[in-house]
Protein backbone atom coordinates (compact mmCIF):
# COMPACT_ATOMS: atom_id res chain seq x y z
CA MET A 1 62.96 -14.54 83.39
CA ALA A 2 66.28 -12.94 82.53
CA LYS A 3 67.31 -15.55 80.00
CA THR A 4 69.41 -13.94 77.31
CA ASN A 5 70.48 -17.16 75.62
CA THR A 6 68.09 -17.83 72.72
CA THR A 7 68.53 -21.59 72.99
CA GLU A 8 67.67 -21.56 76.70
CA LEU A 9 64.65 -19.37 76.08
CA LEU A 10 63.41 -21.59 73.24
CA GLU A 11 63.88 -24.72 75.35
CA ALA A 12 62.00 -23.19 78.28
CA LEU A 13 59.22 -22.00 75.98
CA ALA A 14 58.97 -25.41 74.31
CA ALA A 15 58.86 -27.15 77.68
CA GLU A 16 56.07 -24.92 78.96
CA ILE A 17 54.08 -25.33 75.75
CA GLY A 18 54.61 -29.09 75.83
CA GLU A 19 53.33 -29.38 79.39
CA ASN A 20 50.27 -27.15 78.98
CA VAL A 21 48.97 -27.48 75.44
CA TYR A 22 47.42 -30.62 74.01
CA ILE A 23 45.76 -32.02 70.93
CA ASP A 24 42.24 -33.29 71.54
CA VAL A 25 41.15 -36.28 69.46
CA ALA A 26 37.94 -38.05 70.48
CA LYS A 27 38.35 -36.61 74.00
CA TRP A 28 41.87 -38.03 74.26
CA HIS A 29 44.43 -35.43 75.26
CA LEU A 30 47.85 -35.76 73.66
CA TYR A 31 50.17 -33.13 75.08
CA LEU A 32 52.44 -31.50 72.54
CA SER A 33 55.54 -32.74 74.37
CA ASN A 34 54.33 -36.35 73.99
CA ALA A 35 53.50 -35.71 70.34
CA LYS A 36 57.00 -34.26 69.83
CA LEU A 37 55.46 -31.03 68.55
CA HIS A 38 56.37 -28.63 71.37
CA THR A 39 59.73 -27.63 69.89
CA VAL A 40 58.31 -27.02 66.41
CA VAL A 41 55.54 -24.88 67.85
CA ALA A 42 57.97 -22.90 70.01
CA GLU A 43 60.31 -22.31 67.07
CA GLN A 44 57.44 -21.12 64.87
CA LEU A 45 56.04 -18.78 67.53
CA TYR A 46 59.34 -17.44 68.91
CA PRO A 47 59.62 -14.68 66.26
CA LEU A 48 56.32 -13.23 67.50
CA ILE A 49 57.82 -12.89 70.97
CA THR A 50 61.06 -11.28 69.78
CA SER A 51 59.22 -8.81 67.56
CA ASN A 52 56.70 -7.98 70.31
CA ALA A 53 53.89 -9.13 68.00
CA VAL A 54 52.04 -11.74 70.07
CA ASN A 55 48.32 -11.40 69.47
CA GLU A 56 45.52 -13.88 68.98
CA ASN A 57 45.24 -13.50 65.21
CA ARG A 58 48.94 -13.99 64.57
CA VAL A 59 49.21 -16.97 66.90
CA LEU A 60 46.21 -18.64 65.27
CA GLN A 61 47.66 -17.92 61.84
CA VAL A 62 50.94 -19.64 62.78
CA LEU A 63 49.07 -22.61 64.28
CA GLY A 64 47.09 -22.88 61.06
CA SER A 65 50.31 -23.10 59.06
CA ILE A 66 51.73 -26.07 61.02
CA PRO A 67 50.65 -29.28 59.23
CA ILE A 68 50.09 -32.42 61.31
CA LYS A 69 50.26 -35.71 59.46
CA ILE A 70 47.61 -38.27 60.37
CA GLY A 71 46.83 -41.77 59.20
CA GLY A 72 50.45 -42.63 58.50
CA GLY A 73 50.87 -39.47 56.46
CA LYS A 74 47.80 -39.98 54.26
CA ARG A 75 46.36 -36.61 55.31
CA GLU A 76 47.52 -33.41 56.92
CA ILE A 77 45.47 -31.30 59.29
CA PRO A 78 46.47 -27.83 60.50
CA LEU A 79 47.45 -27.89 64.17
CA ILE A 80 44.87 -25.21 64.94
CA ASP A 81 42.10 -27.70 64.07
CA LEU A 82 43.33 -30.13 66.73
CA LEU A 83 43.70 -27.70 69.65
CA PRO A 84 40.66 -27.04 71.84
CA LEU A 85 39.87 -23.42 72.61
CA GLN A 86 41.19 -23.61 76.19
CA CYS A 87 44.58 -24.77 74.86
CA GLN A 88 44.66 -21.92 72.38
CA VAL A 89 43.99 -19.49 75.24
CA ALA A 90 46.65 -21.17 77.41
CA LEU A 91 49.17 -20.95 74.58
CA ILE A 92 48.50 -17.25 74.02
CA ASP A 93 48.84 -16.64 77.78
CA ILE A 94 52.22 -18.43 77.78
CA LEU A 95 53.43 -16.41 74.80
CA GLU A 96 52.26 -13.13 76.33
CA LYS A 97 54.13 -13.98 79.54
CA TYR A 98 57.33 -14.66 77.62
CA GLN A 99 56.86 -11.48 75.59
CA ARG A 100 56.46 -9.40 78.77
CA ASP A 101 59.58 -10.92 80.27
CA PHE A 102 61.65 -10.85 77.07
């Protein structure tokens, strides 16, 4: 993955996150690309990759700091609360792959 252009790398990371990670609400799966959240998530997590600091605790901390508005903006829920465990694991695997190849 010899992408040196930061924009290309971020776009590729966002695309992979968007295709593989979803929000689960009442057993409905809304992929982050469809929710228009994949780019935000990639941008927030990219510094972990560049600083070689991808680990479960840090990733979960970042996900907990991303607010998701629900009910027309009446409430906000941290993204971490909407991602099932298997999506958290998939996300960490994606980030670890990018970190290895960075």
